[in-house]
Amino acid sequence: MPEPTTTNQLRNRRANMRRRPRGKVKVTCFKGDLDLGTNIAIGVADVSESGLMLLSNSSVDKGQNLTILLEGREHRRPLKVHGKVNWCIPMENKVFRVGIVLDHYLRNQDLLKIT
């Protein structure tokens, strides 16, 4: 008989380990695949090889394409990644948590510079 799952196992369904950003990570996020429009990003809550949780100042629809620019203290220029919105949850003060699945995995050396 299988062992019962704990609530912690149910909450963390990501395929890759989540990591908190190290130091100050500058994030910029645009709706669509081009760097056009207004920046909707406030910050990054966590990052993994396959996705990230972004804090946003506007709601986004599931499936929306996003362009994200990440810049840690060790980056000479921003790291540009593309992804799709997997979920969006409203919080207090018109802030939204946005779960993003990246189109391509982050390289390990880029992930280490951010976390």
PDB file of N, CA and C in Angstrom:
ATOM      1  N   MET A   1       0.839  -1.180   0.000  1.00  0.00           N
ATOM      2  CA  MET A   1       0.000   0.000   0.000  1.00  0.00           C
ATOM      3  C   MET A   1       0.885   1.245   0.000  1.00  0.00           C
ATOM      4  N   PRO A   2       0.637   2.229  -0.905  1.00  0.00           N
ATOM      5  CA  PRO A   2       1.483   3.428  -0.955  1.00  0.00           C
ATOM      6  C   PRO A   2       1.293   4.285   0.281  1.00  0.00           C
ATOM      7  N   GLU A   3       2.387   4.988   0.619  1.00  0.00           N
ATOM      8  CA  GLU A   3       2.333   5.886   1.769  1.00  0.00           C
ATOM      9  C   GLU A   3       1.525   7.123   1.416  1.00  0.00           C
ATOM     10  N   PRO A   4       0.795   7.682   2.390  1.00  0.00           N
ATOM     11  CA  PRO A   4       0.042   8.908   2.101  1.00  0.00           C
ATOM     12  C   PRO A   4       0.997  10.067   1.834  1.00  0.00           C
ATOM     13  N   THR A   5       0.603  10.949   0.930  1.00  0.00           N
ATOM     14  CA  THR A   5       1.436  12.108   0.615  1.00  0.00           C
ATOM     15  C   THR A   5       1.196  13.206   1.638  1.00  0.00           C
ATOM     16  N   THR A   6       2.225  13.962   1.902  1.00  0.00           N
ATOM     17  CA  THR A   6       2.099  15.083   2.830  1.00  0.00           C
ATOM     18  C   THR A   6       1.625  16.311   2.074  1.00  0.00           C
ATOM     19  N   THR A   7       1.162  17.314   2.787  1.00  0.00           N
ATOM     20  CA  THR A   7       0.696  18.536   2.136  1.00  0.00           C
ATOM     21  C   THR A   7       1.836  19.270   1.454  1.00  0.00           C
ATOM     22  N   ASN A   8       3.054  19.153   1.985  1.00  0.00           N
ATOM     23  CA  ASN A   8       4.207  19.796   1.359  1.00  0.00           C
ATOM     24  C   ASN A   8       4.489  19.184  -0.009  1.00  0.00           C
ATOM     25  N   GLN A   9       4.345  17.886  -0.151  1.00  0.00           N
ATOM     26  CA  GLN A   9       4.565  17.231  -1.432  1.00  0.00           C
ATOM     27  C   GLN A   9       3.496  17.647  -2.436  1.00  0.00           C
ATOM     28  N   LEU A  10       2.283  17.886  -1.980  1.00  0.00           N
ATOM     29  CA  LEU A  10       1.219  18.305  -2.877  1.00  0.00           C
ATOM     30  C   LEU A  10       1.422  19.733  -3.368  1.00  0.00           C
ATOM     31  N   ARG A  11       1.965  20.604  -2.533  1.00  0.00           N
ATOM     32  CA  ARG A  11       2.173  22.002  -2.920  1.00  0.00           C
ATOM     33  C   ARG A  11       3.305  22.157  -3.916  1.00  0.00           C
ATOM     34  N   ASN A  12       4.373  21.402  -3.783  1.00  0.00           N
ATOM     35  CA  ASN A  12       5.540  21.559  -4.637  1.00  0.00           C
ATOM     36  C   ASN A  12       5.484  20.526  -5.761  1.00  0.00           C
ATOM     37  N   ARG A  13       4.899  20.930  -6.885  1.00  0.00           N
ATOM     38  CA  ARG A  13       4.746  20.013  -8.001  1.00  0.00           C
ATOM     39  C   ARG A  13       5.708  20.320  -9.141  1.00  0.00           C
ATOM     40  N   ARG A  14       6.663  21.177  -8.924  1.00  0.00           N
ATOM     41  CA  ARG A  14       7.622  21.520  -9.962  1.00  0.00           C
ATOM     42  C   ARG A  14       8.583  20.376 -10.211  1.00  0.00           C
ATOM     43  N   ALA A  15       8.988  20.232 -11.457  1.00  0.00           N
ATOM     44  CA  ALA A  15       9.928  19.174 -11.820  1.00  0.00           C
ATOM     45  C   ALA A  15      11.345  19.499 -11.345  1.00  0.00           C
ATOM     46  N   ASN A  16      11.665  20.781 -11.218  1.00  0.00           N
ATOM     47  CA  ASN A  16      12.999  21.212 -10.807  1.00  0.00           C
ATOM     48  C   ASN A  16      12.926  21.977  -9.494  1.00  0.00           C
ATOM     49  N   MET A  17      14.035  21.949  -8.756  1.00  0.00           N
ATOM     50  CA  MET A  17      14.090  22.595  -7.455  1.00  0.00           C
ATOM     51  C   MET A  17      13.974  24.120  -7.581  1.00  0.00           C
ATOM     52  N   ARG A  18      13.158  24.717  -6.734  1.00  0.00           N
ATOM     53  CA  ARG A  18      13.010  26.168  -6.698  1.00  0.00           C
ATOM     54  C   ARG A  18      14.156  26.787  -5.912  1.00  0.00           C
ATOM     55  N   ARG A  19      14.617  27.926  -6.374  1.00  0.00           N
ATOM     56  CA  ARG A  19      15.691  28.644  -5.678  1.00  0.00           C
ATOM     57  C   ARG A  19      15.313  30.111  -5.580  1.00  0.00           C
ATOM     58  N   ARG A  20      15.649  30.695  -4.461  1.00  0.00           N
ATOM     59  CA  ARG A  20      15.405  32.134  -4.277  1.00  0.00           C
ATOM     60  C   ARG A  20      16.530  32.920  -4.956  1.00  0.00           C
ATOM     61  N   PRO A  21      16.184  34.081  -5.513  1.00  0.00           N
ATOM     62  CA  PRO A  21      17.220  34.914  -6.115  1.00  0.00           C
ATOM     63  C   PRO A  21      18.227  35.378  -5.070  1.00  0.00           C
ATOM     64  N   ARG A  22      19.473  35.450  -5.456  1.00  0.00           N
ATOM     65  CA  ARG A  22      20.548  35.884  -4.559  1.00  0.00           C
ATOM     66  C   ARG A  22      20.842  37.353  -4.832  1.00  0.00           C
ATOM     67  N   GLY A  23      20.870  38.123  -3.767  1.00  0.00           N
ATOM     68  CA  GLY A  23      21.146  39.545  -3.919  1.00  0.00           C
ATOM     69  C   GLY A  23      20.002  40.231  -4.649  1.00  0.00           C
ATOM     70  N   LYS A  24      20.319  41.278  -5.339  1.00  0.00           N
ATOM     71  CA  LYS A  24      19.306  42.021  -6.069  1.00  0.00           C
ATOM     72  C   LYS A  24      19.295  41.568  -7.526  1.00  0.00           C
ATOM     73  N   VAL A  25      18.173  41.001  -7.946  1.00  0.00           N
ATOM     74  CA  VAL A  25      18.000  40.577  -9.331  1.00  0.00           C
ATOM     75  C   VAL A  25      17.031  41.547  -9.989  1.00  0.00           C
ATOM     76  N   LYS A  26      17.476  42.180 -11.050  1.00  0.00           N
ATOM     77  CA  LYS A  26      16.631  43.106 -11.790  1.00  0.00           C
ATOM     78  C   LYS A  26      15.849  42.293 -12.823  1.00  0.00           C
ATOM     79  N   VAL A  27      14.537  42.469 -12.837  1.00  0.00           N
ATOM     80  CA  VAL A  27      13.689  41.734 -13.777  1.00  0.00           C
ATOM     81  C   VAL A  27      12.812  42.712 -14.542  1.00  0.00           C
ATOM     82  N   THR A  28      12.680  42.442 -15.831  1.00  0.00           N
ATOM     83  CA  THR A  28      11.808  43.201 -16.703  1.00  0.00           C
ATOM     84  C   THR A  28      10.970  42.188 -17.463  1.00  0.00           C
ATOM     85  N   CYS A  29       9.676  42.434 -17.583  1.00  0.00           N
ATOM     86  CA  CYS A  29       8.794  41.475 -18.242  1.00  0.00           C
ATOM     87  C   CYS A  29       7.830  42.211 -19.164  1.00  0.00           C
ATOM     88  N   PHE A  30       7.710  41.709 -20.388  1.00  0.00           N
ATOM     89  CA  PHE A  30       6.812  42.279 -21.383  1.00  0.00           C
ATOM     90  C   PHE A  30       5.853  41.203 -21.877  1.00  0.00           C
ATOM     91  N   LYS A  31       4.613  41.585 -22.136  1.00  0.00           N
ATOM     92  CA  LYS A  31       3.659  40.661 -22.743  1.00  0.00           C
ATOM     93  C   LYS A  31       4.022  40.482 -24.206  1.00  0.00           C
ATOM     94  N   GLY A  32       3.971  39.247 -24.677  1.00  0.00           N
ATOM     95  CA  GLY A  32       4.298  38.961 -26.070  1.00  0.00           C
ATOM     96  C   GLY A  32       5.748  38.540 -26.231  1.00  0.00           C
ATOM     97  N   ASP A  33       6.115  38.281 -27.475  1.00  0.00           N
ATOM     98  CA  ASP A  33       7.464  37.796 -27.776  1.00  0.00           C
ATOM     99  C   ASP A  33       8.437  38.910 -28.124  1.00  0.00           C
ATOM    100  N   LEU A  34       7.964  40.136 -28.185  1.00  0.00           N
ATOM    101  CA  LEU A  34       8.827  41.276 -28.484  1.00  0.00           C
ATOM    102  C   LEU A  34       9.015  42.093 -27.218  1.00  0.00           C
ATOM    103  N   ASP A  35      10.044  42.904 -27.197  1.00  0.00           N
ATOM    104  CA  ASP A  35      10.313  43.755 -26.030  1.00  0.00           C
ATOM    105  C   ASP A  35       9.519  45.060 -26.131  1.00  0.00           C
ATOM    106  N   LEU A  36       8.227  44.944 -26.345  1.00  0.00           N
ATOM    107  CA  LEU A  36       7.392  46.128 -26.529  1.00  0.00           C
ATOM    108  C   LEU A  36       6.367  46.228 -25.411  1.00  0.00           C
ATOM    109  N   GLY A  37       5.926  47.439 -25.129  1.00  0.00           N
ATOM    110  CA  GLY A  37       4.913  47.644 -24.103  1.00  0.00           C
ATOM    111  C   GLY A  37       5.539  48.067 -22.789  1.00  0.00           C
ATOM    112  N   THR A  38       4.728  47.984 -21.737  1.00  0.00           N
ATOM    113  CA  THR A  38       5.191  48.399 -20.423  1.00  0.00           C
ATOM    114  C   THR A  38       5.711  47.213 -19.632  1.00  0.00           C
ATOM    115  N   ASN A  39       6.630  47.485 -18.741  1.00  0.00           N
ATOM    116  CA  ASN A  39       7.193  46.467 -17.862  1.00  0.00           C
ATOM    117  C   ASN A  39       6.153  46.118 -16.806  1.00  0.00           C
ATOM    118  N   ILE A  40       5.770  44.834 -16.721  1.00  0.00           N
ATOM    119  CA  ILE A  40       4.762  44.418 -15.739  1.00  0.00           C
ATOM    120  C   ILE A  40       5.391  43.759 -14.512  1.00  0.00           C
ATOM    121  N   ALA A  41       6.705  43.628 -14.487  1.00  0.00           N
ATOM    122  CA  ALA A  41       7.382  42.925 -13.395  1.00  0.00           C
ATOM    123  C   ALA A  41       7.674  43.841 -12.221  1.00  0.00           C
ATOM    124  N   ILE A  42       7.474  43.291 -11.011  1.00  0.00           N
ATOM    125  CA  ILE A  42       7.868  43.960  -9.777  1.00  0.00           C
ATOM    126  C   ILE A  42       9.116  43.291  -9.208  1.00  0.00           C
ATOM    127  N   GLY A  43       9.165  41.971  -9.298  1.00  0.00           N
ATOM    128  CA  GLY A  43      10.301  41.217  -8.775  1.00  0.00           C
ATOM    129  C   GLY A  43      10.170  39.743  -9.079  1.00  0.00           C
ATOM    130  N   VAL A  44      11.164  38.972  -8.641  1.00  0.00           N
ATOM    131  CA  VAL A  44      11.183  37.523  -8.826  1.00  0.00           C
ATOM    132  C   VAL A  44      11.107  36.872  -7.456  1.00  0.00           C
ATOM    133  N   ALA A  45      10.166  35.948  -7.272  1.00  0.00           N
ATOM    134  CA  ALA A  45      10.030  35.241  -6.000  1.00  0.00           C
ATOM    135  C   ALA A  45      10.933  34.015  -5.956  1.00  0.00           C
ATOM    136  N   ASP A  46      10.953  33.231  -7.033  1.00  0.00           N
ATOM    137  CA  ASP A  46      11.854  32.088  -7.110  1.00  0.00           C
ATOM    138  C   ASP A  46      12.101  31.704  -8.558  1.00  0.00           C
ATOM    139  N   VAL A  47      13.167  30.928  -8.752  1.00  0.00           N
ATOM    140  CA  VAL A  47      13.613  30.541 -10.089  1.00  0.00           C
ATOM    141  C   VAL A  47      13.974  29.062 -10.071  1.00  0.00           C
ATOM    142  N   SER A  48      13.707  28.372 -11.168  1.00  0.00           N
ATOM    143  CA  SER A  48      14.205  27.014 -11.364  1.00  0.00           C
ATOM    144  C   SER A  48      14.700  26.918 -12.798  1.00  0.00           C
ATOM    145  N   GLU A  49      15.237  25.774 -13.166  1.00  0.00           N
ATOM    146  CA  GLU A  49      15.737  25.600 -14.530  1.00  0.00           C
ATOM    147  C   GLU A  49      14.627  25.723 -15.565  1.00  0.00           C
ATOM    148  N   SER A  50      13.415  25.341 -15.191  1.00  0.00           N
ATOM    149  CA  SER A  50      12.331  25.271 -16.154  1.00  0.00           C
ATOM    150  C   SER A  50      11.279  26.368 -16.007  1.00  0.00           C
ATOM    151  N   GLY A  51      11.392  27.213 -14.983  1.00  0.00           N
ATOM    152  CA  GLY A  51      10.390  28.244 -14.810  1.00  0.00           C
ATOM    153  C   GLY A  51      10.726  29.208 -13.695  1.00  0.00           C
ATOM    154  N   LEU A  52       9.812  30.132 -13.454  1.00  0.00           N
ATOM    155  CA  LEU A  52      10.004  31.096 -12.375  1.00  0.00           C
ATOM    156  C   LEU A  52       8.662  31.627 -11.899  1.00  0.00           C
ATOM    157  N   MET A  53       8.669  32.171 -10.683  1.00  0.00           N
ATOM    158  CA  MET A  53       7.496  32.841 -10.149  1.00  0.00           C
ATOM    159  C   MET A  53       7.811  34.324 -10.092  1.00  0.00           C
ATOM    160  N   LEU A  54       7.009  35.070 -10.788  1.00  0.00           N
ATOM    161  CA  LEU A  54       7.207  36.498 -10.947  1.00  0.00           C
ATOM    162  C   LEU A  54       6.151  37.241 -10.144  1.00  0.00           C
ATOM    163  N   LEU A  55       6.518  38.376  -9.578  1.00  0.00           N
ATOM    164  CA  LEU A  55       5.553  39.285  -8.965  1.00  0.00           C
ATOM    165  C   LEU A  55       5.267  40.368  -9.996  1.00  0.00           C
ATOM    166  N   SER A  56       3.983  40.564 -10.289  1.00  0.00           N
ATOM    167  CA  SER A  56       3.588  41.460 -11.367  1.00  0.00           C
ATOM    168  C   SER A  56       2.616  42.517 -10.865  1.00  0.00           C
ATOM    169  N   ASN A  57       2.557  43.637 -11.583  1.00  0.00           N
ATOM    170  CA  ASN A  57       1.619  44.695 -11.236  1.00  0.00           C
ATOM    171  C   ASN A  57       0.345  44.634 -12.069  1.00  0.00           C
ATOM    172  N   SER A  58       0.223  43.601 -12.916  1.00  0.00           N
ATOM    173  CA  SER A  58      -1.006  43.422 -13.687  1.00  0.00           C
ATOM    174  C   SER A  58      -1.288  41.940 -13.883  1.00  0.00           C
ATOM    175  N   SER A  59      -2.553  41.639 -14.067  1.00  0.00           N
ATOM    176  CA  SER A  59      -2.972  40.257 -14.281  1.00  0.00           C
ATOM    177  C   SER A  59      -2.631  39.828 -15.710  1.00  0.00           C
ATOM    178  N   VAL A  60      -2.284  38.557 -15.875  1.00  0.00           N
ATOM    179  CA  VAL A  60      -2.017  38.004 -17.201  1.00  0.00           C
ATOM    180  C   VAL A  60      -2.818  36.713 -17.348  1.00  0.00           C
ATOM    181  N   ASP A  61      -3.200  36.411 -18.572  1.00  0.00           N
ATOM    182  CA  ASP A  61      -4.004  35.231 -18.846  1.00  0.00           C
ATOM    183  C   ASP A  61      -3.126  33.995 -18.981  1.00  0.00           C
ATOM    184  N   LYS A  62      -3.685  32.856 -18.597  1.00  0.00           N
ATOM    185  CA  LYS A  62      -2.986  31.586 -18.766  1.00  0.00           C
ATOM    186  C   LYS A  62      -2.719  31.368 -20.255  1.00  0.00           C
ATOM    187  N   GLY A  63      -1.494  30.954 -20.565  1.00  0.00           N
ATOM    188  CA  GLY A  63      -1.106  30.746 -21.952  1.00  0.00           C
ATOM    189  C   GLY A  63      -0.481  31.958 -22.623  1.00  0.00           C
ATOM    190  N   GLN A  64      -0.517  33.119 -21.962  1.00  0.00           N
ATOM    191  CA  GLN A  64       0.067  34.352 -22.506  1.00  0.00           C
ATOM    192  C   GLN A  64       1.572  34.196 -22.668  1.00  0.00           C
ATOM    193  N   ASN A  65       2.111  34.569 -23.820  1.00  0.00           N
ATOM    194  CA  ASN A  65       3.560  34.561 -24.036  1.00  0.00           C
ATOM    195  C   ASN A  65       4.173  35.776 -23.360  1.00  0.00           C
ATOM    196  N   LEU A  66       5.322  35.581 -22.724  1.00  0.00           N
ATOM    197  CA  LEU A  66       6.034  36.657 -22.050  1.00  0.00           C
ATOM    198  C   LEU A  66       7.502  36.659 -22.464  1.00  0.00           C
ATOM    199  N   THR A  67       8.078  37.840 -22.489  1.00  0.00           N
ATOM    200  CA  THR A  67       9.519  38.007 -22.656  1.00  0.00           C
ATOM    201  C   THR A  67      10.053  38.539 -21.334  1.00  0.00           C
ATOM    202  N   ILE A  68      11.054  37.842 -20.774  1.00  0.00           N
ATOM    203  CA  ILE A  68      11.593  38.200 -19.466  1.00  0.00           C
ATOM    204  C   ILE A  68      13.084  38.483 -19.593  1.00  0.00           C
ATOM    205  N   LEU A  69      13.513  39.584 -18.997  1.00  0.00           N
ATOM    206  CA  LEU A  69      14.932  39.936 -18.945  1.00  0.00           C
ATOM    207  C   LEU A  69      15.366  39.861 -17.482  1.00  0.00           C
ATOM    208  N   LEU A  70      16.336  39.010 -17.193  1.00  0.00           N
ATOM    209  CA  LEU A  70      16.856  38.834 -15.835  1.00  0.00           C
ATOM    210  C   LEU A  70      18.286  39.335 -15.794  1.00  0.00           C
ATOM    211  N   GLU A  71      18.613  40.080 -14.755  1.00  0.00           N
ATOM    212  CA  GLU A  71      19.969  40.615 -14.624  1.00  0.00           C
ATOM    213  C   GLU A  71      20.403  40.535 -13.167  1.00  0.00           C
ATOM    214  N   GLY A  72      21.333  39.638 -12.897  1.00  0.00           N
ATOM    215  CA  GLY A  72      21.928  39.520 -11.571  1.00  0.00           C
ATOM    216  C   GLY A  72      23.167  40.387 -11.485  1.00  0.00           C
ATOM    217  N   ARG A  73      23.773  40.410 -10.313  1.00  0.00           N
ATOM    218  CA  ARG A  73      24.945  41.277 -10.149  1.00  0.00           C
ATOM    219  C   ARG A  73      26.146  40.799 -10.954  1.00  0.00           C
ATOM    220  N   GLU A  74      26.171  39.532 -11.352  1.00  0.00           N
ATOM    221  CA  GLU A  74      27.295  39.001 -12.122  1.00  0.00           C
ATOM    222  C   GLU A  74      27.048  39.026 -13.626  1.00  0.00           C
ATOM    223  N   HIS A  75      25.890  39.506 -14.062  1.00  0.00           N
ATOM    224  CA  HIS A  75      25.602  39.573 -15.492  1.00  0.00           C
ATOM    225  C   HIS A  75      26.120  40.888 -16.068  1.00  0.00           C
ATOM    226  N   ARG A  76      26.722  40.802 -17.223  1.00  0.00           N
ATOM    227  CA  ARG A  76      27.167  42.020 -17.911  1.00  0.00           C
ATOM    228  C   ARG A  76      26.045  42.617 -18.733  1.00  0.00           C
ATOM    229  N   ARG A  77      25.133  41.766 -19.167  1.00  0.00           N
ATOM    230  CA  ARG A  77      23.927  42.221 -19.855  1.00  0.00           C
ATOM    231  C   ARG A  77      22.781  41.292 -19.472  1.00  0.00           C
ATOM    232  N   PRO A  78      21.549  41.738 -19.611  1.00  0.00           N
ATOM    233  CA  PRO A  78      20.415  40.922 -19.159  1.00  0.00           C
ATOM    234  C   PRO A  78      20.303  39.596 -19.912  1.00  0.00           C
ATOM    235  N   LEU A  79      19.847  38.588 -19.205  1.00  0.00           N
ATOM    236  CA  LEU A  79      19.571  37.276 -19.776  1.00  0.00           C
ATOM    237  C   LEU A  79      18.135  37.309 -20.275  1.00  0.00           C
ATOM    238  N   LYS A  80      17.935  37.073 -21.564  1.00  0.00           N
ATOM    239  CA  LYS A  80      16.608  37.154 -22.168  1.00  0.00           C
ATOM    240  C   LYS A  80      16.031  35.752 -22.314  1.00  0.00           C
ATOM    241  N   VAL A  81      14.839  35.535 -21.735  1.00  0.00           N
ATOM    242  CA  VAL A  81      14.158  34.244 -21.827  1.00  0.00           C
ATOM    243  C   VAL A  81      12.699  34.475 -22.220  1.00  0.00           C
ATOM    244  N   HIS A  82      12.117  33.450 -22.809  1.00  0.00           N
ATOM    245  CA  HIS A  82      10.707  33.490 -23.199  1.00  0.00           C
ATOM    246  C   HIS A  82       9.968  32.386 -22.472  1.00  0.00           C
ATOM    247  N   GLY A  83       8.716  32.643 -22.149  1.00  0.00           N
ATOM    248  CA  GLY A  83       7.918  31.636 -21.461  1.00  0.00           C
ATOM    249  C   GLY A  83       6.438  31.888 -21.613  1.00  0.00           C
ATOM    250  N   LYS A  84       5.665  30.970 -21.045  1.00  0.00           N
ATOM    251  CA  LYS A  84       4.209  31.061 -21.070  1.00  0.00           C
ATOM    252  C   LYS A  84       3.677  31.075 -19.644  1.00  0.00           C
ATOM    253  N   VAL A  85       2.612  31.811 -19.433  1.00  0.00           N
ATOM    254  CA  VAL A  85       1.973  31.876 -18.124  1.00  0.00           C
ATOM    255  C   VAL A  85       1.264  30.553 -17.859  1.00  0.00           C
ATOM    256  N   ASN A  86       1.570  29.944 -16.711  1.00  0.00           N
ATOM    257  CA  ASN A  86       0.919  28.709 -16.307  1.00  0.00           C
ATOM    258  C   ASN A  86      -0.227  28.994 -15.342  1.00  0.00           C
ATOM    259  N   TRP A  87      -0.062  30.016 -14.509  1.00  0.00           N
ATOM    260  CA  TRP A  87      -1.091  30.432 -13.566  1.00  0.00           C
ATOM    261  C   TRP A  87      -0.832  31.866 -13.126  1.00  0.00           C
ATOM    262  N   CYS A  88      -1.886  32.517 -12.628  1.00  0.00           N
ATOM    263  CA  CYS A  88      -1.788  33.885 -12.119  1.00  0.00           C
ATOM    264  C   CYS A  88      -2.736  34.003 -10.937  1.00  0.00           C
ATOM    265  N   ILE A  89      -2.203  34.397  -9.774  1.00  0.00           N
ATOM    266  CA  ILE A  89      -2.992  34.495  -8.546  1.00  0.00           C
ATOM    267  C   ILE A  89      -2.920  35.926  -8.012  1.00  0.00           C
ATOM    268  N   PRO A  90      -4.081  36.560  -7.795  1.00  0.00           N
ATOM    269  CA  PRO A  90      -4.059  37.911  -7.225  1.00  0.00           C
ATOM    270  C   PRO A  90      -3.693  37.873  -5.746  1.00  0.00           C
ATOM    271  N   MET A  91      -2.953  38.887  -5.307  1.00  0.00           N
ATOM    272  CA  MET A  91      -2.589  39.056  -3.905  1.00  0.00           C
ATOM    273  C   MET A  91      -3.124  40.413  -3.452  1.00  0.00           C
ATOM    274  N   GLU A  92      -2.619  40.904  -2.346  1.00  0.00           N
ATOM    275  CA  GLU A  92      -3.034  42.208  -1.844  1.00  0.00           C
ATOM    276  C   GLU A  92      -2.371  43.338  -2.626  1.00  0.00           C
ATOM    277  N   ASN A  93      -2.966  44.522  -2.548  1.00  0.00           N
ATOM    278  CA  ASN A  93      -2.399  45.757  -3.111  1.00  0.00           C
ATOM    279  C   ASN A  93      -2.144  45.683  -4.614  1.00  0.00           C
ATOM    280  N   LYS A  94      -3.015  45.019  -5.354  1.00  0.00           N
ATOM    281  CA  LYS A  94      -2.921  44.920  -6.818  1.00  0.00           C
ATOM    282  C   LYS A  94      -1.617  44.298  -7.299  1.00  0.00           C
ATOM    283  N   VAL A  95      -1.135  43.316  -6.550  1.00  0.00           N
ATOM    284  CA  VAL A  95       0.052  42.550  -6.932  1.00  0.00           C
ATOM    285  C   VAL A  95      -0.407  41.146  -7.289  1.00  0.00           C
ATOM    286  N   PHE A  96       0.215  40.566  -8.314  1.00  0.00           N
ATOM    287  CA  PHE A  96      -0.146  39.233  -8.779  1.00  0.00           C
ATOM    288  C   PHE A  96       1.084  38.337  -8.759  1.00  0.00           C
ATOM    289  N   ARG A  97       0.897  37.087  -8.346  1.00  0.00           N
ATOM    290  CA  ARG A  97       1.932  36.067  -8.488  1.00  0.00           C
ATOM    291  C   ARG A  97       1.678  35.357  -9.802  1.00  0.00           C
ATOM    292  N   VAL A  98       2.724  35.228 -10.604  1.00  0.00           N
ATOM    293  CA  VAL A  98       2.581  34.631 -11.921  1.00  0.00           C
ATOM    294  C   VAL A  98       3.566  33.477 -12.051  1.00  0.00           C
ATOM    295  N   GLY A  99       3.047  32.288 -12.324  1.00  0.00           N
ATOM    296  CA  GLY A  99       3.883  31.119 -12.570  1.00  0.00           C
ATOM    297  C   GLY A  99       4.162  31.010 -14.051  1.00  0.00           C
ATOM    298  N   ILE A 100       5.442  30.965 -14.401  1.00  0.00           N
ATOM    299  CA  ILE A 100       5.853  30.968 -15.809  1.00  0.00           C
ATOM    300  C   ILE A 100       6.656  29.720 -16.114  1.00  0.00           C
ATOM    301  N   VAL A 101       6.279  29.039 -17.198  1.00  0.00           N
ATOM    302  CA  VAL A 101       7.042  27.904 -17.701  1.00  0.00           C
ATOM    303  C   VAL A 101       7.890  28.426 -18.852  1.00  0.00           C
ATOM    304  N   LEU A 102       9.207  28.253 -18.743  1.00  0.00           N
ATOM    305  CA  LEU A 102      10.119  28.759 -19.772  1.00  0.00           C
ATOM    306  C   LEU A 102      10.085  27.878 -21.015  1.00  0.00           C
ATOM    307  N   ASP A 103      10.285  28.509 -22.175  1.00  0.00           N
ATOM    308  CA  ASP A 103      10.324  27.760 -23.436  1.00  0.00           C
ATOM    309  C   ASP A 103      11.544  26.854 -23.503  1.00  0.00           C
ATOM    310  N   HIS A 104      12.660  27.299 -22.923  1.00  0.00           N
ATOM    311  CA  HIS A 104      13.907  26.526 -22.880  1.00  0.00           C
ATOM    312  C   HIS A 104      14.465  26.578 -21.468  1.00  0.00           C
ATOM    313  N   TYR A 105      15.066  25.494 -21.038  1.00  0.00           N
ATOM    314  CA  TYR A 105      15.668  25.459 -19.698  1.00  0.00           C
ATOM    315  C   TYR A 105      16.778  26.503 -19.594  1.00  0.00           C
ATOM    316  N   LEU A 106      16.920  27.074 -18.399  1.00  0.00           N
ATOM    317  CA  LEU A 106      18.046  27.971 -18.133  1.00  0.00           C
ATOM    318  C   LEU A 106      19.330  27.154 -18.071  1.00  0.00           C
ATOM    319  N   ARG A 107      20.398  27.711 -18.586  1.00  0.00           N
ATOM    320  CA  ARG A 107      21.696  27.041 -18.445  1.00  0.00           C
ATOM    321  C   ARG A 107      22.108  27.091 -16.985  1.00  0.00           C
ATOM    322  N   ASN A 108      22.807  26.075 -16.545  1.00  0.00           N
ATOM    323  CA  ASN A 108      23.205  25.982 -15.144  1.00  0.00           C
ATOM    324  C   ASN A 108      24.041  27.185 -14.715  1.00  0.00           C
ATOM    325  N   GLN A 109      24.950  27.645 -15.557  1.00  0.00           N
ATOM    326  CA  GLN A 109      25.791  28.791 -15.187  1.00  0.00           C
ATOM    327  C   GLN A 109      24.967  30.067 -15.046  1.00  0.00           C
ATOM    328  N   ASP A 110      23.915  30.238 -15.853  1.00  0.00           N
ATOM    329  CA  ASP A 110      23.031  31.410 -15.713  1.00  0.00           C
ATOM    330  C   ASP A 110      22.203  31.299 -14.437  1.00  0.00           C
ATOM    331  N   LEU A 111      21.714  30.105 -14.127  1.00  0.00           N
ATOM    332  CA  LEU A 111      20.939  29.899 -12.911  1.00  0.00           C
ATOM    333  C   LEU A 111      21.774  30.190 -11.674  1.00  0.00           C
ATOM    334  N   LEU A 112      23.034  29.783 -11.689  1.00  0.00           N
ATOM    335  CA  LEU A 112      23.916  30.030 -10.554  1.00  0.00           C
ATOM    336  C   LEU A 112      24.220  31.510 -10.359  1.00  0.00           C
ATOM    337  N   LYS A 113      24.239  32.282 -11.434  1.00  0.00           N
ATOM    338  CA  LYS A 113      24.481  33.728 -11.325  1.00  0.00           C
ATOM    339  C   LYS A 113      23.290  34.451 -10.699  1.00  0.00           C
ATOM    340  N   ILE A 114      22.101  33.891 -10.872  1.00  0.00           N
ATOM    341  CA  ILE A 114      20.883  34.514 -10.348  1.00  0.00           C
ATOM    342  C   ILE A 114      20.606  34.068  -8.917  1.00  0.00           C
ATOM    343  N   THR A 115      20.864  32.791  -8.639  1.00  0.00           N
ATOM    344  CA  THR A 115      20.534  32.271  -7.310  1.00  0.00           C
ATOM    345  C   THR A 115      21.769  32.093  -6.527  1.00  0.00           C
TER     346      THR A 115
END
